[in-house]
Amino acid sequence: MDRKNDFAKYVLDPDELLEKKQELLRLGATRDQIVKALKSAILKPQQREQFRKALPLYEAKIRTLRDQILANDLLGNLNPDDITIPVHYQDRKR
């Protein structure tokens, strides 16, 4: 099993990375608008309920995008040849 293949699936192209960062900014702005609208007193109850249901979905999308960008930054700078995983005594062949 080639270790380079393990890390390559997490590293994004520069264009993909730019798209993910822009989407993260867009989703963050949308989430901020939803939070601001929820603080408003003039929202109808149906709209308020829709916003409350949508907020966790936006937060989950933001969290996954942030994790993907962070993984790209960490693994993009990582040299797979420098990584050695020590063998644990329980991993021995029987």
Protein backbone atom coordinates (compact mmCIF):
# COMPACT_ATOMS: atom_id res chain seq x y z
CA MET A 1 0.00 0.00 0.00
CA ASP A 2 1.50 3.28 -1.10
CA ARG A 3 1.38 5.99 1.54
CA LYS A 4 1.25 8.75 -1.05
CA ASN A 5 -2.16 7.53 -2.17
CA ASP A 6 -3.45 7.82 1.38
CA PHE A 7 -2.68 11.54 1.62
CA ALA A 8 -3.41 12.43 -1.98
CA LYS A 9 -7.13 11.91 -1.58
CA TYR A 10 -7.28 14.68 1.04
CA VAL A 11 -5.25 17.28 -0.85
CA LEU A 12 -7.38 19.60 -2.99
CA ASP A 13 -6.48 21.34 -6.23
CA PRO A 14 -5.90 25.10 -5.86
CA ASP A 15 -9.13 25.80 -7.77
CA GLU A 16 -11.12 23.46 -5.53
CA LEU A 17 -9.55 25.00 -2.45
CA LEU A 18 -10.51 28.49 -3.62
CA GLU A 19 -14.08 27.34 -4.30
CA LYS A 20 -14.33 25.74 -0.85
CA LYS A 21 -13.04 28.91 0.84
CA GLN A 22 -15.52 31.06 -1.08
CA GLU A 23 -18.35 28.69 -0.21
CA LEU A 24 -17.27 28.79 3.44
CA LEU A 25 -17.42 32.59 3.42
CA ARG A 26 -20.83 32.52 1.72
CA LEU A 27 -22.25 29.99 4.17
CA GLY A 28 -20.81 31.92 7.12
CA ALA A 29 -22.45 35.13 5.93
CA THR A 30 -25.77 33.34 5.42
CA ARG A 31 -25.56 31.84 8.91
CA ASP A 32 -24.84 35.28 10.38
CA GLN A 33 -27.88 36.70 8.58
CA ILE A 34 -30.05 33.90 9.96
CA VAL A 35 -28.81 34.55 13.49
CA LYS A 36 -29.44 38.26 13.06
CA ALA A 37 -32.95 37.57 11.73
CA LEU A 38 -33.71 35.27 14.67
CA LYS A 39 -32.86 38.10 17.05
CA SER A 40 -35.36 40.32 15.27
CA ALA A 41 -38.79 40.69 16.86
CA ILE A 42 -40.70 41.15 13.60
CA LEU A 43 -40.31 37.61 12.25
CA LYS A 44 -43.41 35.54 11.70
CA PRO A 45 -43.54 32.31 13.71
CA GLN A 46 -43.36 30.16 10.57
CA GLN A 47 -40.26 31.97 9.34
CA ARG A 48 -38.68 31.77 12.76
CA GLU A 49 -39.25 28.00 12.84
CA GLN A 50 -37.75 27.59 9.35
CA PHE A 51 -34.68 29.56 10.37
CA ARG A 52 -34.26 27.53 13.55
CA LYS A 53 -34.37 24.31 11.55
CA ALA A 54 -31.96 25.63 8.90
CA LEU A 55 -29.33 26.92 11.33
CA PRO A 56 -27.91 23.49 12.37
CA LEU A 57 -27.70 22.46 8.71
CA TYR A 58 -25.62 25.52 7.87
CA GLU A 59 -23.42 24.92 10.90
CA ALA A 60 -22.80 21.31 9.83
CA LYS A 61 -21.88 22.38 6.29
CA ILE A 62 -19.56 25.06 7.65
CA ARG A 63 -17.91 22.55 9.98
CA THR A 64 -17.27 20.04 7.18
CA LEU A 65 -15.88 22.71 4.85
CA ARG A 66 -13.64 24.06 7.58
CA ASP A 67 -12.39 20.53 8.32
CA GLN A 68 -11.67 19.88 4.63
CA ILE A 69 -9.73 23.11 4.28
CA LEU A 70 -7.78 22.41 7.46
CA ALA A 71 -6.99 18.85 6.36
CA ASN A 72 -5.80 20.18 3.02
CA ASP A 73 -3.51 22.69 4.72
CA LEU A 74 -2.06 20.10 7.09
CA LEU A 75 -1.66 17.25 4.63
CA GLY A 76 -0.56 19.45 1.76
CA ASN A 77 2.60 20.40 3.62
CA LEU A 78 3.23 16.88 4.84
CA ASN A 79 5.87 14.70 3.22
CA PRO A 80 4.64 11.08 3.23
CA ASP A 81 8.21 9.75 3.15
CA ASP A 82 8.97 11.32 6.53
CA ILE A 83 6.12 9.56 8.27
CA THR A 84 6.85 6.33 10.07
CA ILE A 85 4.20 4.56 12.03
CA PRO A 86 5.72 2.41 14.73
CA VAL A 87 4.60 -1.18 14.86
CA HIS A 88 2.53 -1.96 17.90
CA TYR A 89 2.99 -5.29 19.63
CA GLN A 90 -0.65 -6.22 18.95
CA ASP A 91 -0.21 -5.70 15.20
CA ARG A 92 2.24 -8.57 14.79
CA LYS A 93 1.50 -11.36 12.37
CA ARG A 94 0.47 -14.60 13.99
